[in-house]
Amino acid sequence: MDTLVGLLPILIMFVAMWFILIRPAQKKQKQTVQMQNSIKRGDQVVTIGGLHGEVDALEDTAIYIIVDGKTRLKFERQAIGRVLTEK
């Protein structure tokens, strides 16, 4: 019984760390993957490097973005940081 009481603070700290750090990071990662998989042609996107453009074509792991109306660039899906929504 003394061993269980001695381990109780460590267990409580592990559970607290799970809810404070690990769980929110996993939720954010799932949301990011879902956003990257739901991108469609014509969406306005921003890459993780800050490049703004419009999605021109999609492949399994790559996305073609048109920048400045004429320049077509190829990016990995993971390089898309966010999709801009028109309001």
PDB file of N, CA and C in Angstrom:
ATOM      1  N   MET A   1       0.822  -1.195   0.000  1.00  0.00           N
ATOM      2  CA  MET A   1       0.000   0.000   0.000  1.00  0.00           C
ATOM      3  C   MET A   1       0.869   1.263   0.000  1.00  0.00           C
ATOM      4  N   ASP A   2       1.991   1.192   0.729  1.00  0.00           N
ATOM      5  CA  ASP A   2       2.881   2.349   0.775  1.00  0.00           C
ATOM      6  C   ASP A   2       3.477   2.645  -0.606  1.00  0.00           C
ATOM      7  N   THR A   3       3.731   1.601  -1.381  1.00  0.00           N
ATOM      8  CA  THR A   3       4.281   1.781  -2.727  1.00  0.00           C
ATOM      9  C   THR A   3       3.282   2.518  -3.609  1.00  0.00           C
ATOM     10  N   LEU A   4       2.012   2.153  -3.504  1.00  0.00           N
ATOM     11  CA  LEU A   4       0.969   2.800  -4.290  1.00  0.00           C
ATOM     12  C   LEU A   4       0.844   4.269  -3.908  1.00  0.00           C
ATOM     13  N   VAL A   5       0.900   4.574  -2.643  1.00  0.00           N
ATOM     14  CA  VAL A   5       0.828   5.957  -2.182  1.00  0.00           C
ATOM     15  C   VAL A   5       2.063   6.726  -2.653  1.00  0.00           C
ATOM     16  N   GLY A   6       3.207   6.082  -2.716  1.00  0.00           N
ATOM     17  CA  GLY A   6       4.438   6.725  -3.178  1.00  0.00           C
ATOM     18  C   GLY A   6       4.407   7.016  -4.680  1.00  0.00           C
ATOM     19  N   LEU A   7       3.722   6.173  -5.444  1.00  0.00           N
ATOM     20  CA  LEU A   7       3.637   6.365  -6.893  1.00  0.00           C
ATOM     21  C   LEU A   7       2.493   7.287  -7.303  1.00  0.00           C
ATOM     22  N   LEU A   8       1.582   7.562  -6.393  1.00  0.00           N
ATOM     23  CA  LEU A   8       0.418   8.389  -6.715  1.00  0.00           C
ATOM     24  C   LEU A   8       0.791   9.784  -7.230  1.00  0.00           C
ATOM     25  N   PRO A   9       1.726  10.511  -6.649  1.00  0.00           N
ATOM     26  CA  PRO A   9       2.087  11.823  -7.211  1.00  0.00           C
ATOM     27  C   PRO A   9       2.648  11.739  -8.636  1.00  0.00           C
ATOM     28  N   ILE A  10       3.423  10.698  -8.909  1.00  0.00           N
ATOM     29  CA  ILE A  10       3.970  10.533 -10.251  1.00  0.00           C
ATOM     30  C   ILE A  10       2.855  10.248 -11.245  1.00  0.00           C
ATOM     31  N   LEU A  11       1.909   9.405 -10.871  1.00  0.00           N
ATOM     32  CA  LEU A  11       0.773   9.114 -11.741  1.00  0.00           C
ATOM     33  C   LEU A  11      -0.076  10.352 -11.989  1.00  0.00           C
ATOM     34  N   ILE A  12      -0.296  11.135 -10.974  1.00  0.00           N
ATOM     35  CA  ILE A  12      -1.074  12.366 -11.118  1.00  0.00           C
ATOM     36  C   ILE A  12      -0.353  13.334 -12.046  1.00  0.00           C
ATOM     37  N   MET A  13       0.965  13.448 -11.921  1.00  0.00           N
ATOM     38  CA  MET A  13       1.726  14.332 -12.804  1.00  0.00           C
ATOM     39  C   MET A  13       1.663  13.850 -14.259  1.00  0.00           C
ATOM     40  N   PHE A  14       1.729  12.537 -14.480  1.00  0.00           N
ATOM     41  CA  PHE A  14       1.637  11.999 -15.832  1.00  0.00           C
ATOM     42  C   PHE A  14       0.274  12.303 -16.449  1.00  0.00           C
ATOM     43  N   VAL A  15      -0.789  12.109 -15.702  1.00  0.00           N
ATOM     44  CA  VAL A  15      -2.135  12.397 -16.207  1.00  0.00           C
ATOM     45  C   VAL A  15      -2.281  13.886 -16.497  1.00  0.00           C
ATOM     46  N   ALA A  16      -1.771  14.731 -15.630  1.00  0.00           N
ATOM     47  CA  ALA A  16      -1.839  16.181 -15.852  1.00  0.00           C
ATOM     48  C   ALA A  16      -1.061  16.572 -17.102  1.00  0.00           C
ATOM     49  N   MET A  17       0.121  16.028 -17.304  1.00  0.00           N
ATOM     50  CA  MET A  17       0.911  16.327 -18.500  1.00  0.00           C
ATOM     51  C   MET A  17       0.183  15.859 -19.755  1.00  0.00           C
ATOM     52  N   TRP A  18      -0.503  14.727 -19.663  1.00  0.00           N
ATOM     53  CA  TRP A  18      -1.252  14.211 -20.806  1.00  0.00           C
ATOM     54  C   TRP A  18      -2.319  15.216 -21.232  1.00  0.00           C
ATOM     55  N   PHE A  19      -3.089  15.715 -20.278  1.00  0.00           N
ATOM     56  CA  PHE A  19      -4.184  16.629 -20.600  1.00  0.00           C
ATOM     57  C   PHE A  19      -3.705  18.038 -20.937  1.00  0.00           C
ATOM     58  N   ILE A  20      -2.553  18.441 -20.438  1.00  0.00           N
ATOM     59  CA  ILE A  20      -2.061  19.790 -20.683  1.00  0.00           C
ATOM     60  C   ILE A  20      -1.230  19.876 -21.966  1.00  0.00           C
ATOM     61  N   LEU A  21      -0.400  18.881 -22.251  1.00  0.00           N
ATOM     62  CA  LEU A  21       0.525  18.966 -23.381  1.00  0.00           C
ATOM     63  C   LEU A  21       0.213  18.011 -24.533  1.00  0.00           C
ATOM     64  N   ILE A  22       0.112  16.752 -24.258  1.00  0.00           N
ATOM     65  CA  ILE A  22       0.047  15.750 -25.314  1.00  0.00           C
ATOM     66  C   ILE A  22      -1.296  15.755 -26.032  1.00  0.00           C
ATOM     67  N   ARG A  23      -2.379  15.754 -25.316  1.00  0.00           N
ATOM     68  CA  ARG A  23      -3.703  15.678 -25.935  1.00  0.00           C
ATOM     69  C   ARG A  23      -4.001  16.865 -26.852  1.00  0.00           C
ATOM     70  N   PRO A  24      -3.774  18.115 -26.435  1.00  0.00           N
ATOM     71  CA  PRO A  24      -4.014  19.238 -27.357  1.00  0.00           C
ATOM     72  C   PRO A  24      -3.127  19.188 -28.607  1.00  0.00           C
ATOM     73  N   ALA A  25      -1.889  18.736 -28.474  1.00  0.00           N
ATOM     74  CA  ALA A  25      -1.009  18.635 -29.636  1.00  0.00           C
ATOM     75  C   ALA A  25      -1.516  17.594 -30.616  1.00  0.00           C
ATOM     76  N   GLN A  26      -2.032  16.480 -30.120  1.00  0.00           N
ATOM     77  CA  GLN A  26      -2.591  15.456 -30.997  1.00  0.00           C
ATOM     78  C   GLN A  26      -3.834  15.962 -31.712  1.00  0.00           C
ATOM     79  N   LYS A  27      -4.680  16.701 -31.013  1.00  0.00           N
ATOM     80  CA  LYS A  27      -5.889  17.252 -31.635  1.00  0.00           C
ATOM     81  C   LYS A  27      -5.523  18.240 -32.733  1.00  0.00           C
ATOM     82  N   LYS A  28      -4.538  19.087 -32.487  1.00  0.00           N
ATOM     83  CA  LYS A  28      -4.118  20.063 -33.492  1.00  0.00           C
ATOM     84  C   LYS A  28      -3.520  19.358 -34.705  1.00  0.00           C
ATOM     85  N   GLN A  29      -2.745  18.316 -34.489  1.00  0.00           N
ATOM     86  CA  GLN A  29      -2.150  17.569 -35.591  1.00  0.00           C
ATOM     87  C   GLN A  29      -3.234  16.905 -36.441  1.00  0.00           C
ATOM     88  N   LYS A  30      -4.264  16.354 -35.823  1.00  0.00           N
ATOM     89  CA  LYS A  30      -5.365  15.742 -36.570  1.00  0.00           C
ATOM     90  C   LYS A  30      -6.114  16.785 -37.388  1.00  0.00           C
ATOM     91  N   GLN A  31      -6.335  17.969 -36.822  1.00  0.00           N
ATOM     92  CA  GLN A  31      -7.011  19.035 -37.551  1.00  0.00           C
ATOM     93  C   GLN A  31      -6.184  19.487 -38.748  1.00  0.00           C
ATOM     94  N   THR A  32      -4.877  19.577 -38.587  1.00  0.00           N
ATOM     95  CA  THR A  32      -4.005  19.991 -39.686  1.00  0.00           C
ATOM     96  C   THR A  32      -4.029  18.972 -40.818  1.00  0.00           C
ATOM     97  N   VAL A  33      -3.950  17.689 -40.484  1.00  0.00           N
ATOM     98  CA  VAL A  33      -3.990  16.637 -41.511  1.00  0.00           C
ATOM     99  C   VAL A  33      -5.339  16.652 -42.221  1.00  0.00           C
ATOM    100  N   GLN A  34      -6.415  16.846 -41.473  1.00  0.00           N
ATOM    101  CA  GLN A  34      -7.746  16.897 -42.085  1.00  0.00           C
ATOM    102  C   GLN A  34      -7.850  18.096 -43.035  1.00  0.00           C
ATOM    103  N   MET A  35      -7.316  19.249 -42.636  1.00  0.00           N
ATOM    104  CA  MET A  35      -7.340  20.439 -43.486  1.00  0.00           C
ATOM    105  C   MET A  35      -6.543  20.194 -44.763  1.00  0.00           C
ATOM    106  N   GLN A  36      -5.363  19.580 -44.640  1.00  0.00           N
ATOM    107  CA  GLN A  36      -4.525  19.328 -45.805  1.00  0.00           C
ATOM    108  C   GLN A  36      -5.156  18.327 -46.760  1.00  0.00           C
ATOM    109  N   ASN A  37      -5.914  17.384 -46.234  1.00  0.00           N
ATOM    110  CA  ASN A  37      -6.565  16.398 -47.086  1.00  0.00           C
ATOM    111  C   ASN A  37      -7.842  16.916 -47.722  1.00  0.00           C
ATOM    112  N   SER A  38      -8.412  17.995 -47.206  1.00  0.00           N
ATOM    113  CA  SER A  38      -9.665  18.514 -47.747  1.00  0.00           C
ATOM    114  C   SER A  38      -9.453  19.679 -48.718  1.00  0.00           C
ATOM    115  N   ILE A  39      -8.213  19.987 -49.057  1.00  0.00           N
ATOM    116  CA  ILE A  39      -7.921  21.073 -49.995  1.00  0.00           C
ATOM    117  C   ILE A  39      -8.437  20.680 -51.375  1.00  0.00           C
ATOM    118  N   LYS A  40      -9.041  21.642 -52.058  1.00  0.00           N
ATOM    119  CA  LYS A  40      -9.540  21.389 -53.410  1.00  0.00           C
ATOM    120  C   LYS A  40      -9.069  22.486 -54.347  1.00  0.00           C
ATOM    121  N   ARG A  41      -9.219  22.243 -55.628  1.00  0.00           N
ATOM    122  CA  ARG A  41      -8.785  23.192 -56.651  1.00  0.00           C
ATOM    123  C   ARG A  41      -9.526  24.517 -56.477  1.00  0.00           C
ATOM    124  N   GLY A  42      -8.800  25.611 -56.572  1.00  0.00           N
ATOM    125  CA  GLY A  42      -9.380  26.939 -56.439  1.00  0.00           C
ATOM    126  C   GLY A  42      -9.281  27.534 -55.046  1.00  0.00           C
ATOM    127  N   ASP A  43      -8.899  26.733 -54.056  1.00  0.00           N
ATOM    128  CA  ASP A  43      -8.746  27.248 -52.689  1.00  0.00           C
ATOM    129  C   ASP A  43      -7.561  28.202 -52.614  1.00  0.00           C
ATOM    130  N   GLN A  44      -7.721  29.244 -51.831  1.00  0.00           N
ATOM    131  CA  GLN A  44      -6.619  30.155 -51.529  1.00  0.00           C
ATOM    132  C   GLN A  44      -5.895  29.589 -50.307  1.00  0.00           C
ATOM    133  N   VAL A  45      -4.584  29.383 -50.429  1.00  0.00           N
ATOM    134  CA  VAL A  45      -3.816  28.764 -49.351  1.00  0.00           C
ATOM    135  C   VAL A  45      -2.585  29.598 -49.009  1.00  0.00           C
ATOM    136  N   VAL A  46      -2.061  29.323 -47.821  1.00  0.00           N
ATOM    137  CA  VAL A  46      -0.798  29.912 -47.372  1.00  0.00           C
ATOM    138  C   VAL A  46       0.094  28.745 -46.961  1.00  0.00           C
ATOM    139  N   THR A  47       1.313  28.723 -47.485  1.00  0.00           N
ATOM    140  CA  THR A  47       2.246  27.662 -47.119  1.00  0.00           C
ATOM    141  C   THR A  47       2.859  27.960 -45.754  1.00  0.00           C
ATOM    142  N   ILE A  48       3.562  26.976 -45.220  1.00  0.00           N
ATOM    143  CA  ILE A  48       4.198  27.195 -43.915  1.00  0.00           C
ATOM    144  C   ILE A  48       5.322  28.210 -44.017  1.00  0.00           C
ATOM    145  N   GLY A  49       5.781  28.480 -45.242  1.00  0.00           N
ATOM    146  CA  GLY A  49       6.805  29.495 -45.471  1.00  0.00           C
ATOM    147  C   GLY A  49       6.232  30.886 -45.685  1.00  0.00           C
ATOM    148  N   GLY A  50       4.881  30.998 -45.738  1.00  0.00           N
ATOM    149  CA  GLY A  50       4.234  32.295 -45.878  1.00  0.00           C
ATOM    150  C   GLY A  50       3.862  32.662 -47.304  1.00  0.00           C
ATOM    151  N   LEU A  51       3.989  31.750 -48.248  1.00  0.00           N
ATOM    152  CA  LEU A  51       3.664  32.016 -49.639  1.00  0.00           C
ATOM    153  C   LEU A  51       2.156  31.891 -49.859  1.00  0.00           C
ATOM    154  N   HIS A  52       1.545  32.925 -50.422  1.00  0.00           N
ATOM    155  CA  HIS A  52       0.109  32.924 -50.699  1.00  0.00           C
ATOM    156  C   HIS A  52      -0.115  32.530 -52.150  1.00  0.00           C
ATOM    157  N   GLY A  53      -1.145  31.701 -52.398  1.00  0.00           N
ATOM    158  CA  GLY A  53      -1.439  31.310 -53.762  1.00  0.00           C
ATOM    159  C   GLY A  53      -2.767  30.591 -53.864  1.00  0.00           C
ATOM    160  N   GLU A  54      -3.097  30.201 -55.091  1.00  0.00           N
ATOM    161  CA  GLU A  54      -4.348  29.505 -55.373  1.00  0.00           C
ATOM    162  C   GLU A  54      -4.016  28.101 -55.866  1.00  0.00           C
ATOM    163  N   VAL A  55      -4.733  27.106 -55.351  1.00  0.00           N
ATOM    164  CA  VAL A  55      -4.496  25.724 -55.734  1.00  0.00           C
ATOM    165  C   VAL A  55      -4.933  25.528 -57.181  1.00  0.00           C
ATOM    166  N   ASP A  56      -4.016  25.012 -58.000  1.00  0.00           N
ATOM    167  CA  ASP A  56      -4.295  24.781 -59.414  1.00  0.00           C
ATOM    168  C   ASP A  56      -4.555  23.308 -59.698  1.00  0.00           C
ATOM    169  N   ALA A  57      -3.767  22.418 -59.099  1.00  0.00           N
ATOM    170  CA  ALA A  57      -3.915  20.989 -59.337  1.00  0.00           C
ATOM    171  C   ALA A  57      -3.486  20.225 -58.091  1.00  0.00           C
ATOM    172  N   LEU A  58      -4.008  19.006 -57.965  1.00  0.00           N
ATOM    173  CA  LEU A  58      -3.710  18.171 -56.806  1.00  0.00           C
ATOM    174  C   LEU A  58      -3.176  16.820 -57.251  1.00  0.00           C
ATOM    175  N   GLU A  59      -2.211  16.315 -56.528  1.00  0.00           N
ATOM    176  CA  GLU A  59      -1.719  14.952 -56.673  1.00  0.00           C
ATOM    177  C   GLU A  59      -1.832  14.291 -55.311  1.00  0.00           C
ATOM    178  N   ASP A  60      -1.419  13.031 -55.215  1.00  0.00           N
ATOM    179  CA  ASP A  60      -1.516  12.330 -53.938  1.00  0.00           C
ATOM    180  C   ASP A  60      -0.736  13.030 -52.832  1.00  0.00           C
ATOM    181  N   THR A  61       0.503  13.375 -53.110  1.00  0.00           N
ATOM    182  CA  THR A  61       1.342  13.980 -52.076  1.00  0.00           C
ATOM    183  C   THR A  61       1.759  15.405 -52.400  1.00  0.00           C
ATOM    184  N   ALA A  62       1.361  15.909 -53.561  1.00  0.00           N
ATOM    185  CA  ALA A  62       1.798  17.242 -53.977  1.00  0.00           C
ATOM    186  C   ALA A  62       0.615  18.110 -54.381  1.00  0.00           C
ATOM    187  N   ILE A  63       0.838  19.415 -54.286  1.00  0.00           N
ATOM    188  CA  ILE A  63      -0.165  20.407 -54.678  1.00  0.00           C
ATOM    189  C   ILE A  63       0.536  21.446 -55.542  1.00  0.00           C
ATOM    190  N   TYR A  64      -0.097  21.804 -56.647  1.00  0.00           N
ATOM    191  CA  TYR A  64       0.418  22.862 -57.512  1.00  0.00           C
ATOM    192  C   TYR A  64      -0.316  24.150 -57.172  1.00  0.00           C
ATOM    193  N   ILE A  65       0.459  25.204 -56.915  1.00  0.00           N
ATOM    194  CA  ILE A  65      -0.098  26.500 -56.518  1.00  0.00           C
ATOM    195  C   ILE A  65       0.284  27.536 -57.563  1.00  0.00           C
ATOM    196  N   ILE A  66      -0.696  28.361 -57.934  1.00  0.00           N
ATOM    197  CA  ILE A  66      -0.428  29.471 -58.843  1.00  0.00           C
ATOM    198  C   ILE A  66      -0.206  30.718 -57.998  1.00  0.00           C
ATOM    199  N   VAL A  67       0.938  31.349 -58.243  1.00  0.00           N
ATOM    200  CA  VAL A  67       1.313  32.551 -57.509  1.00  0.00           C
ATOM    201  C   VAL A  67       1.431  33.691 -58.508  1.00  0.00           C
ATOM    202  N   ASP A  68       0.900  34.818 -58.166  1.00  0.00           N
ATOM    203  CA  ASP A  68       1.041  36.015 -58.990  1.00  0.00           C
ATOM    204  C   ASP A  68       0.364  35.859 -60.356  1.00  0.00           C
ATOM    205  N   GLY A  69      -0.641  34.985 -60.421  1.00  0.00           N
ATOM    206  CA  GLY A  69      -1.422  34.848 -61.634  1.00  0.00           C
ATOM    207  C   GLY A  69      -0.810  34.038 -62.746  1.00  0.00           C
ATOM    208  N   LYS A  70       0.486  33.740 -62.678  1.00  0.00           N
ATOM    209  CA  LYS A  70       1.105  33.021 -63.784  1.00  0.00           C
ATOM    210  C   LYS A  70       2.157  32.006 -63.363  1.00  0.00           C
ATOM    211  N   THR A  71       2.768  32.157 -62.237  1.00  0.00           N
ATOM    212  CA  THR A  71       3.825  31.265 -61.795  1.00  0.00           C
ATOM    213  C   THR A  71       3.212  30.057 -61.085  1.00  0.00           C
ATOM    214  N   ARG A  72       3.560  28.857 -61.556  1.00  0.00           N
ATOM    215  CA  ARG A  72       3.003  27.619 -60.996  1.00  0.00           C
ATOM    216  C   ARG A  72       4.108  26.912 -60.214  1.00  0.00           C
ATOM    217  N   LEU A  73       3.854  26.668 -58.925  1.00  0.00           N
ATOM    218  CA  LEU A  73       4.840  26.037 -58.052  1.00  0.00           C
ATOM    219  C   LEU A  73       4.289  24.738 -57.494  1.00  0.00           C
ATOM    220  N   LYS A  74       5.174  23.777 -57.257  1.00  0.00           N
ATOM    221  CA  LYS A  74       4.785  22.483 -56.707  1.00  0.00           C
ATOM    222  C   LYS A  74       5.233  22.389 -55.254  1.00  0.00           C
ATOM    223  N   PHE A  75       4.294  22.030 -54.374  1.00  0.00           N
ATOM    224  CA  PHE A  75       4.568  21.891 -52.942  1.00  0.00           C
ATOM    225  C   PHE A  75       4.067  20.545 -52.453  1.00  0.00           C
ATOM    226  N   GLU A  76       4.685  20.038 -51.411  1.00  0.00           N
ATOM    227  CA  GLU A  76       4.154  18.871 -50.715  1.00  0.00           C
ATOM    228  C   GLU A  76       2.903  19.284 -49.948  1.00  0.00           C
ATOM    229  N   ARG A  77       1.970  18.372 -49.757  1.00  0.00           N
ATOM    230  CA  ARG A  77       0.746  18.693 -49.011  1.00  0.00           C
ATOM    231  C   ARG A  77       1.065  19.191 -47.603  1.00  0.00           C
ATOM    232  N   GLN A  78       2.094  18.615 -46.979  1.00  0.00           N
ATOM    233  CA  GLN A  78       2.451  19.007 -45.620  1.00  0.00           C
ATOM    234  C   GLN A  78       2.961  20.435 -45.544  1.00  0.00           C
ATOM    235  N   ALA A  79       3.284  21.044 -46.678  1.00  0.00           N
ATOM    236  CA  ALA A  79       3.787  22.419 -46.686  1.00  0.00           C
ATOM    237  C   ALA A  79       2.665  23.444 -46.631  1.00  0.00           C
ATOM    238  N   ILE A  80       1.409  23.007 -46.715  1.00  0.00           N
ATOM    239  CA  ILE A  80       0.280  23.932 -46.652  1.00  0.00           C
ATOM    240  C   ILE A  80      -0.026  24.203 -45.184  1.00  0.00           C
ATOM    241  N   GLY A  81       0.069  25.465 -44.809  1.00  0.00           N
ATOM    242  CA  GLY A  81      -0.152  25.845 -43.414  1.00  0.00           C
ATOM    243  C   GLY A  81      -1.597  26.122 -43.084  1.00  0.00           C
ATOM    244  N   ARG A  82      -2.315  26.738 -44.029  1.00  0.00           N
ATOM    245  CA  ARG A  82      -3.729  27.033 -43.783  1.00  0.00           C
ATOM    246  C   ARG A  82      -4.429  27.369 -45.091  1.00  0.00           C
ATOM    247  N   VAL A  83      -5.739  27.212 -45.058  1.00  0.00           N
ATOM    248  CA  VAL A  83      -6.584  27.578 -46.176  1.00  0.00           C
ATOM    249  C   VAL A  83      -7.292  28.869 -45.804  1.00  0.00           C
ATOM    250  N   LEU A  84      -7.199  29.863 -46.676  1.00  0.00           N
ATOM    251  CA  LEU A  84      -7.857  31.145 -46.412  1.00  0.00           C
ATOM    252  C   LEU A  84      -9.321  31.043 -46.785  1.00  0.00           C
ATOM    253  N   THR A  85     -10.157  31.572 -45.927  1.00  0.00           N
ATOM    254  CA  THR A  85     -11.594  31.577 -46.203  1.00  0.00           C
ATOM    255  C   THR A  85     -12.040  32.985 -46.497  1.00  0.00           C
ATOM    256  N   GLU A  86     -12.833  33.121 -47.532  1.00  0.00           N
ATOM    257  CA  GLU A  86     -13.379  34.425 -47.896  1.00  0.00           C
ATOM    258  C   GLU A  86     -14.531  34.759 -46.968  1.00  0.00           C
ATOM    259  N   LYS A  87     -14.574  35.993 -46.462  1.00  0.00           N
ATOM    260  CA  LYS A  87     -15.651  36.391 -45.556  1.00  0.00           C
ATOM    261  C   LYS A  87     -16.456  37.494 -46.183  1.00  0.00           C
TER     262      LYS A  87
END
